[in-house]
C-alpha atoms as a PDB file:
ATOM      1  CA  MET A   1      27.724  21.331  75.385  1.00  0.00           C
ATOM      2  CA  ASN A   2      25.477  24.425  75.417  1.00  0.00           C
ATOM      3  CA  ARG A   3      24.573  26.453  72.336  1.00  0.00           C
ATOM      4  CA  LYS A   4      27.287  29.080  72.898  1.00  0.00           C
ATOM      5  CA  GLU A   5      29.992  26.426  73.077  1.00  0.00           C
ATOM      6  CA  GLU A   6      28.596  24.654  70.001  1.00  0.00           C
ATOM      7  CA  ILE A   7      28.872  27.899  68.029  1.00  0.00           C
ATOM      8  CA  LYS A   8      32.394  28.630  69.266  1.00  0.00           C
ATOM      9  CA  GLU A   9      33.440  25.114  68.368  1.00  0.00           C
ATOM     10  CA  ALA A  10      32.106  25.630  64.843  1.00  0.00           C
ATOM     11  CA  TYR A  11      34.337  28.704  64.567  1.00  0.00           C
ATOM     12  CA  ARG A  12      37.378  26.935  65.966  1.00  0.00           C
ATOM     13  CA  ASN A  13      36.986  24.247  63.309  1.00  0.00           C
ATOM     14  CA  LEU A  14      36.950  26.856  60.534  1.00  0.00           C
ATOM     15  CA  GLY A  15      40.673  26.679  59.867  1.00  0.00           C
ATOM     16  CA  ASN A  16      42.686  29.496  58.310  1.00  0.00           C
ATOM     17  CA  ALA A  17      40.551  32.131  56.625  1.00  0.00           C
ATOM     18  CA  HIS A  18      40.916  32.897  52.930  1.00  0.00           C
ATOM     19  CA  ASN A  19      42.181  36.494  53.024  1.00  0.00           C
ATOM     20  CA  VAL A  20      43.172  39.392  55.293  1.00  0.00           C
ATOM     21  CA  TYR A  21      39.547  40.452  55.854  1.00  0.00           C
ATOM     22  CA  ASP A  22      38.412  36.968  56.842  1.00  0.00           C
ATOM     23  CA  GLY A  23      41.492  36.462  59.001  1.00  0.00           C
ATOM     24  CA  MET A  24      40.717  39.664  60.884  1.00  0.00           C
ATOM     25  CA  MET A  25      37.049  38.765  61.308  1.00  0.00           C
ATOM     26  CA  THR A  26      37.884  35.371  62.778  1.00  0.00           C
ATOM     27  CA  GLY A  27      41.293  35.945  64.381  1.00  0.00           C
ATOM     28  CA  SER A  28      42.423  32.794  62.596  1.00  0.00           C
ATOM     29  CA  THR A  29      45.544  34.166  60.873  1.00  0.00           C
ATOM     30  CA  PHE A  30      48.680  35.882  62.145  1.00  0.00           C
ATOM     31  CA  ILE A  31      47.912  39.146  60.289  1.00  0.00           C
ATOM     32  CA  GLY A  32      44.301  38.994  61.413  1.00  0.00           C
ATOM     33  CA  ARG A  33      45.311  38.638  65.061  1.00  0.00           C
ATOM     34  CA  LEU A  34      47.714  41.577  64.746  1.00  0.00           C
ATOM     35  CA  ILE A  35      44.923  43.788  63.402  1.00  0.00           C
ATOM     36  CA  ASP A  36      42.454  42.608  66.039  1.00  0.00           C
ATOM     37  CA  LYS A  37      44.912  43.509  68.785  1.00  0.00           C
ATOM     38  CA  ALA A  38      46.115  46.778  67.241  1.00  0.00           C
ATOM     39  CA  VAL A  39      42.668  48.156  66.396  1.00  0.00           C
ATOM     40  CA  TRP A  40      40.192  46.369  68.630  1.00  0.00           C
ATOM     41  CA  GLN A  41      42.393  45.293  71.563  1.00  0.00           C
ATOM     42  CA  MET A  42      40.886  41.803  71.323  1.00  0.00           C
ATOM     43  CA  ASP A  43      42.328  38.305  71.298  1.00  0.00           C
ATOM     44  CA  ARG A  44      40.743  35.352  69.519  1.00  0.00           C
ATOM     45  CA  GLU A  45      38.610  34.381  72.516  1.00  0.00           C
ATOM     46  CA  ASP A  46      37.148  37.907  72.523  1.00  0.00           C
ATOM     47  CA  ILE A  47      36.374  37.511  68.812  1.00  0.00           C
ATOM     48  CA  LEU A  48      34.676  34.151  69.390  1.00  0.00           C
ATOM     49  CA  GLU A  49      32.686  35.614  72.277  1.00  0.00           C
ATOM     50  CA  TYR A  50      31.157  38.585  70.467  1.00  0.00           C
ATOM     51  CA  GLN A  51      30.438  36.543  67.337  1.00  0.00           C
ATOM     52  CA  SER A  52      28.689  33.764  69.239  1.00  0.00           C
ATOM     53  CA  ARG A  53      26.332  35.991  71.253  1.00  0.00           C
ATOM     54  CA  PRO A  54      23.970  36.951  68.373  1.00  0.00           C
ATOM     55  CA  PHE A  55      23.450  33.287  67.476  1.00  0.00           C
ATOM     56  CA  GLU A  56      22.531  32.187  70.998  1.00  0.00           C
ATOM     57  CA  VAL A  57      18.889  33.032  70.272  1.00  0.00           C
ATOM     58  CA  ILE A  58      18.875  30.618  67.301  1.00  0.00           C
ATOM     59  CA  PRO A  59      18.377  27.123  68.788  1.00  0.00           C
ATOM     60  CA  ALA A  60      20.198  24.100  67.400  1.00  0.00           C
ATOM     61  CA  GLY A  61      16.980  22.615  65.985  1.00  0.00           C
ATOM     62  CA  PHE A  62      15.767  25.862  64.389  1.00  0.00           C
ATOM     63  CA  LYS A  63      13.441  25.143  61.429  1.00  0.00           C
ATOM     64  CA  GLY A  64      12.131  28.617  60.679  1.00  0.00           C
ATOM     65  CA  LYS A  65      12.994  31.303  58.140  1.00  0.00           C
ATOM     66  CA  LEU A  66      16.155  33.268  58.861  1.00  0.00           C
ATOM     67  CA  LEU A  67      17.531  36.366  57.141  1.00  0.00           C
ATOM     68  CA  GLU A  68      21.147  37.449  57.438  1.00  0.00           C
ATOM     69  CA  VAL A  69      21.964  40.986  56.311  1.00  0.00           C
ATOM     70  CA  PRO A  70      24.672  41.689  55.345  1.00  0.00           C
ATOM     71  CA  VAL A  71      26.232  38.290  54.744  1.00  0.00           C
ATOM     72  CA  GLY A  72      29.662  39.674  53.792  1.00  0.00           C
ATOM     73  CA  THR A  73      31.962  36.810  52.884  1.00  0.00           C
ATOM     74  CA  GLY A  74      29.986  34.435  55.090  1.00  0.00           C
ATOM     75  CA  VAL A  75      33.058  33.684  57.179  1.00  0.00           C
ATOM     76  CA  ILE A  76      31.188  34.296  60.451  1.00  0.00           C
ATOM     77  CA  SER A  77      27.772  32.869  59.668  1.00  0.00           C
ATOM     78  CA  MET A  78      28.385  29.852  57.434  1.00  0.00           C
ATOM     79  CA  PRO A  79      29.994  27.687  60.138  1.00  0.00           C
ATOM     80  CA  VAL A  80      26.862  28.273  62.255  1.00  0.00           C
ATOM     81  CA  PHE A  81      24.446  27.778  59.356  1.00  0.00           C
ATOM     82  CA  ARG A  82      26.081  24.414  58.819  1.00  0.00           C
ATOM     83  CA  THR A  83      24.594  23.402  62.197  1.00  0.00           C
ATOM     84  CA  LEU A  84      21.060  24.421  61.070  1.00  0.00           C
ATOM     85  CA  PRO A  85      20.261  21.974  58.248  1.00  0.00           C
ATOM     86  CA  GLU A  86      16.481  22.315  58.618  1.00  0.00           C
ATOM     87  CA  ALA A  87      16.343  26.129  58.576  1.00  0.00           C
ATOM     88  CA  ASP A  88      15.257  28.175  55.552  1.00  0.00           C
ATOM     89  CA  ILE A  89      18.073  30.715  55.299  1.00  0.00           C
ATOM     90  CA  THR A  90      18.336  33.804  53.084  1.00  0.00           C
ATOM     91  CA  CYS A  91      21.562  35.813  52.904  1.00  0.00           C
ATOM     92  CA  LEU A  92      21.522  39.346  51.494  1.00  0.00           C
ATOM     93  CA  ASP A  93      24.329  41.755  50.683  1.00  0.00           C
ATOM     94  CA  TYR A  94      24.696  44.901  48.607  1.00  0.00           C
ATOM     95  CA  SER A  95      28.112  43.779  47.341  1.00  0.00           C
ATOM     96  CA  ALA A  96      27.997  41.110  44.637  1.00  0.00           C
ATOM     97  CA  ARG A  97      31.680  40.369  45.258  1.00  0.00           C
ATOM     98  CA  MET A  98      31.179  39.736  48.959  1.00  0.00           C
ATOM     99  CA  MET A  99      28.122  37.622  48.300  1.00  0.00           C
ATOM    100  CA  GLU A 100      29.948  35.474  45.755  1.00  0.00           C
ATOM    101  CA  SER A 101      32.575  34.731  48.405  1.00  0.00           C
ATOM    102  CA  ALA A 102      29.808  33.696  50.786  1.00  0.00           C
ATOM    103  CA  ARG A 103      28.205  31.513  48.125  1.00  0.00           C
ATOM    104  CA  LYS A 104      31.500  29.711  47.483  1.00  0.00           C
ATOM    105  CA  ARG A 105      32.005  29.192  51.208  1.00  0.00           C
ATOM    106  CA  ALA A 106      28.516  27.665  51.494  1.00  0.00           C
ATOM    107  CA  GLU A 107      29.317  25.312  48.623  1.00  0.00           C
ATOM    108  CA  THR A 108      32.623  24.307  50.222  1.00  0.00           C
ATOM    109  CA  LEU A 109      30.851  23.550  53.503  1.00  0.00           C
ATOM    110  CA  GLN A 110      28.080  21.730  51.590  1.00  0.00           C
ATOM    111  CA  ILE A 111      25.313  23.949  52.949  1.00  0.00           C
ATOM    112  CA  ALA A 112      22.316  23.442  50.658  1.00  0.00           C
ATOM    113  CA  ASN A 113      19.594  25.366  52.535  1.00  0.00           C
ATOM    114  CA  VAL A 114      20.874  28.916  51.902  1.00  0.00           C
ATOM    115  CA  ALA A 115      19.610  31.305  49.198  1.00  0.00           C
ATOM    116  CA  PHE A 116      21.583  34.404  48.200  1.00  0.00           C
ATOM    117  CA  VAL A 117      19.959  37.718  47.241  1.00  0.00           C
ATOM    118  CA  GLN A 118      21.678  40.931  46.238  1.00  0.00           C
ATOM    119  CA  GLY A 119      19.910  43.951  47.700  1.00  0.00           C
ATOM    120  CA  ASP A 120      19.875  47.003  49.950  1.00  0.00           C
ATOM    121  CA  VAL A 121      19.153  46.702  53.674  1.00  0.00           C
ATOM    122  CA  GLY A 122      17.431  50.088  53.444  1.00  0.00           C
ATOM    123  CA  LYS A 123      14.873  48.635  51.037  1.00  0.00           C
ATOM    124  CA  LEU A 124      14.631  44.910  51.629  1.00  0.00           C
ATOM    125  CA  PRO A 125      12.969  42.943  48.793  1.00  0.00           C
ATOM    126  CA  PHE A 126      10.767  40.923  51.145  1.00  0.00           C
ATOM    127  CA  GLU A 127       7.171  41.082  52.376  1.00  0.00           C
ATOM    128  CA  ASP A 128       6.233  42.253  55.858  1.00  0.00           C
ATOM    129  CA  ASN A 129       6.508  39.612  58.596  1.00  0.00           C
ATOM    130  CA  SER A 130       8.511  37.213  56.401  1.00  0.00           C
ATOM    131  CA  PHE A 131      11.163  35.898  58.822  1.00  0.00           C
ATOM    132  CA  ASP A 132      11.304  34.190  62.193  1.00  0.00           C
ATOM    133  CA  ALA A 133      14.813  35.534  62.811  1.00  0.00           C
ATOM    134  CA  VAL A 134      16.949  38.347  61.417  1.00  0.00           C
ATOM    135  CA  VAL A 135      20.695  38.405  62.074  1.00  0.00           C
ATOM    136  CA  SER A 136      23.014  41.314  61.284  1.00  0.00           C
ATOM    137  CA  LEU A 137      26.722  40.867  61.939  1.00  0.00           C
ATOM    138  CA  ASN A 138      29.110  43.832  61.653  1.00  0.00           C
ATOM    139  CA  GLY A 139      26.821  45.720  59.317  1.00  0.00           C
ATOM    140  CA  PHE A 140      25.197  48.699  61.009  1.00  0.00           C
ATOM    141  CA  HIS A 141      28.444  50.622  61.439  1.00  0.00           C
ATOM    142  CA  ALA A 142      28.798  50.559  57.644  1.00  0.00           C
ATOM    143  CA  PHE A 143      25.204  51.273  56.588  1.00  0.00           C
ATOM    144  CA  PRO A 144      24.803  54.843  55.279  1.00  0.00           C
ATOM    145  CA  ASP A 145      21.108  55.041  56.294  1.00  0.00           C
ATOM    146  CA  LYS A 146      20.944  53.365  59.679  1.00  0.00           C
ATOM    147  CA  ASP A 147      17.372  54.475  60.408  1.00  0.00           C
ATOM    148  CA  ALA A 148      16.118  52.760  57.249  1.00  0.00           C
ATOM    149  CA  ALA A 149      18.082  49.609  58.146  1.00  0.00           C
ATOM    150  CA  TYR A 150      16.433  49.412  61.571  1.00  0.00           C
ATOM    151  CA  GLU A 151      12.983  50.024  60.094  1.00  0.00           C
ATOM    152  CA  GLU A 152      13.387  47.431  57.348  1.00  0.00           C
ATOM    153  CA  THR A 153      14.779  44.668  59.554  1.00  0.00           C
ATOM    154  CA  PHE A 154      11.874  45.303  61.941  1.00  0.00           C
ATOM    155  CA  ARG A 155       9.327  45.281  59.120  1.00  0.00           C
ATOM    156  CA  VAL A 156      10.291  41.883  57.690  1.00  0.00           C
ATOM    157  CA  LEU A 157      10.470  40.199  61.123  1.00  0.00           C
ATOM    158  CA  LYS A 158       7.424  38.268  62.362  1.00  0.00           C
ATOM    159  CA  LYS A 159       5.777  39.087  65.673  1.00  0.00           C
ATOM    160  CA  GLY A 160       7.600  37.035  68.294  1.00  0.00           C
ATOM    161  CA  GLY A 161      10.661  36.728  66.065  1.00  0.00           C
ATOM    162  CA  THR A 162      14.217  37.547  67.081  1.00  0.00           C
ATOM    163  CA  PHE A 163      16.555  40.269  65.838  1.00  0.00           C
ATOM    164  CA  SER A 164      20.175  39.847  66.872  1.00  0.00           C
ATOM    165  CA  GLY A 165      23.603  40.982  65.797  1.00  0.00           C
ATOM    166  CA  CYS A 166      26.740  42.942  66.571  1.00  0.00           C
ATOM    167  CA  PHE A 167      28.542  46.053  65.372  1.00  0.00           C
ATOM    168  CA  TYR A 168      30.962  48.794  66.385  1.00  0.00           C
ATOM    169  CA  VAL A 169      29.827  51.440  68.859  1.00  0.00           C
ATOM    170  CA  GLU A 170      31.814  54.452  69.934  1.00  0.00           C
ATOM    171  CA  GLY A 171      32.586  55.394  73.499  1.00  0.00           C
ATOM    172  CA  ALA A 172      33.468  51.929  74.805  1.00  0.00           C
ATOM    173  CA  ASN A 173      37.205  52.045  73.990  1.00  0.00           C
ATOM    174  CA  ALA A 174      38.980  55.340  73.295  1.00  0.00           C
ATOM    175  CA  HIS A 175      41.884  53.661  71.502  1.00  0.00           C
ATOM    176  CA  THR A 176      39.561  51.862  69.083  1.00  0.00           C
ATOM    177  CA  ASP A 177      37.574  55.055  68.508  1.00  0.00           C
ATOM    178  CA  ARG A 178      40.759  56.837  67.400  1.00  0.00           C
ATOM    179  CA  MET A 179      41.703  53.986  65.067  1.00  0.00           C
ATOM    180  CA  ILE A 180      38.221  53.906  63.528  1.00  0.00           C
ATOM    181  CA  ARG A 181      38.226  57.648  62.853  1.00  0.00           C
ATOM    182  CA  THR A 182      41.789  57.615  61.506  1.00  0.00           C
ATOM    183  CA  PHE A 183      41.640  54.566  59.261  1.00  0.00           C
ATOM    184  CA  TYR A 184      38.226  52.975  58.862  1.00  0.00           C
ATOM    185  CA  VAL A 185      36.162  56.113  58.282  1.00  0.00           C
ATOM    186  CA  ARG A 186      38.719  57.704  55.949  1.00  0.00           C
ATOM    187  CA  SER A 187      38.949  54.517  53.898  1.00  0.00           C
ATOM    188  CA  GLY A 188      35.164  54.327  53.582  1.00  0.00           C
ATOM    189  CA  PHE A 189      34.817  51.020  55.432  1.00  0.00           C
ATOM    190  CA  PHE A 190      32.722  52.531  58.242  1.00  0.00           C
ATOM    191  CA  THR A 191      30.092  55.263  57.919  1.00  0.00           C
ATOM    192  CA  PRO A 192      29.343  57.732  60.739  1.00  0.00           C
ATOM    193  CA  PRO A 193      27.410  58.715  62.743  1.00  0.00           C
ATOM    194  CA  PHE A 194      28.059  55.856  65.164  1.00  0.00           C
ATOM    195  CA  GLU A 195      25.894  54.800  68.065  1.00  0.00           C
ATOM    196  CA  THR A 196      26.872  54.425  71.710  1.00  0.00           C
ATOM    197  CA  MET A 197      25.826  51.553  73.961  1.00  0.00           C
ATOM    198  CA  GLU A 198      23.261  53.777  75.684  1.00  0.00           C
ATOM    199  CA  PHE A 199      21.823  55.054  72.399  1.00  0.00           C
ATOM    200  CA  LEU A 200      21.558  51.523  71.004  1.00  0.00           C
ATOM    201  CA  GLN A 201      19.808  50.255  74.123  1.00  0.00           C
ATOM    202  CA  ASN A 202      17.290  53.099  74.012  1.00  0.00           C
ATOM    203  CA  ARG A 203      16.635  52.738  70.294  1.00  0.00           C
ATOM    204  CA  LEU A 204      15.987  49.010  70.468  1.00  0.00           C
ATOM    205  CA  GLN A 205      13.769  49.329  73.541  1.00  0.00           C
ATOM    206  CA  THR A 206      11.455  51.677  71.649  1.00  0.00           C
ATOM    207  CA  MET A 207      11.009  49.031  68.929  1.00  0.00           C
ATOM    208  CA  TYR A 208      11.106  45.581  70.550  1.00  0.00           C
ATOM    209  CA  GLU A 209       9.285  43.797  73.363  1.00  0.00           C
ATOM    210  CA  SER A 210      12.468  42.499  74.996  1.00  0.00           C
ATOM    211  CA  VAL A 211      16.039  43.696  74.507  1.00  0.00           C
ATOM    212  CA  GLU A 212      19.418  42.499  75.760  1.00  0.00           C
ATOM    213  CA  VAL A 213      22.514  44.563  74.913  1.00  0.00           C
ATOM    214  CA  SER A 214      26.086  43.735  75.906  1.00  0.00           C
ATOM    215  CA  ASN A 215      29.541  44.445  74.536  1.00  0.00           C
ATOM    216  CA  VAL A 216      33.021  43.054  74.071  1.00  0.00           C
ATOM    217  CA  GLN A 217      35.292  46.097  73.961  1.00  0.00           C
ATOM    218  CA  SER A 218      33.884  48.336  71.177  1.00  0.00           C
ATOM    219  CA  ILE A 219      31.598  45.698  69.660  1.00  0.00           C
ATOM    220  CA  ALA A 220      28.000  45.832  70.871  1.00  0.00           C
ATOM    221  CA  CYS A 221      25.965  42.631  70.805  1.00  0.00           C
ATOM    222  CA  PHE A 222      22.170  42.675  70.898  1.00  0.00           C
ATOM    223  CA  LYS A 223      19.362  40.150  71.157  1.00  0.00           C
ATOM    224  CA  CYS A 224      15.773  41.349  70.732  1.00  0.00           C
ATOM    225  CA  ARG A 225      12.315  39.819  70.477  1.00  0.00           C
ATOM    226  CA  LYS A 226       9.542  41.571  68.545  1.00  0.00           C
END
């Protein structure tokens, strides 16, 4: 079994998520699947695909320092972190409520090698060149200062380290774009301006030595090496 399939299998074994948000993020509940189809035009295999891509650069035997920002409820990352028992993992989020959910999920899964820090991605409380890997899942479309987020995640990453993640981009699916503008922006869940696939590719190429950008519908996935 390759790394992608190992990660997908970890997600499949997650079981039913705890609430509507987690069910949507994982496609593991009936309501979650309805939202995924209505907004994102994705089925559960699409969800598993875009969520697994950012973790493909983290090998199964990874023993380095990894930062996840934002951690959210941990519903996406904790099943994967469970497969990395020798890694030194730090999870950061601005929301104390979200982070507490992630902490409880880590405890339930008996993950002992994760530290939780409340903070702002635009001003990360870490030294330069602190991490071997930085992962950001579904965060950049919500960050109010995206430029600062890119600069800070770059700053704390070691030379040769990997930066990977996924988030919403506009222009890939007109239906999803309309839904985002109508519901997600007005509710404050997402914060414009949003990037396009082309803009994201160009931005990352000006910062990183190697860049790979792909998408599943309106979710862009990226894997970079500094």
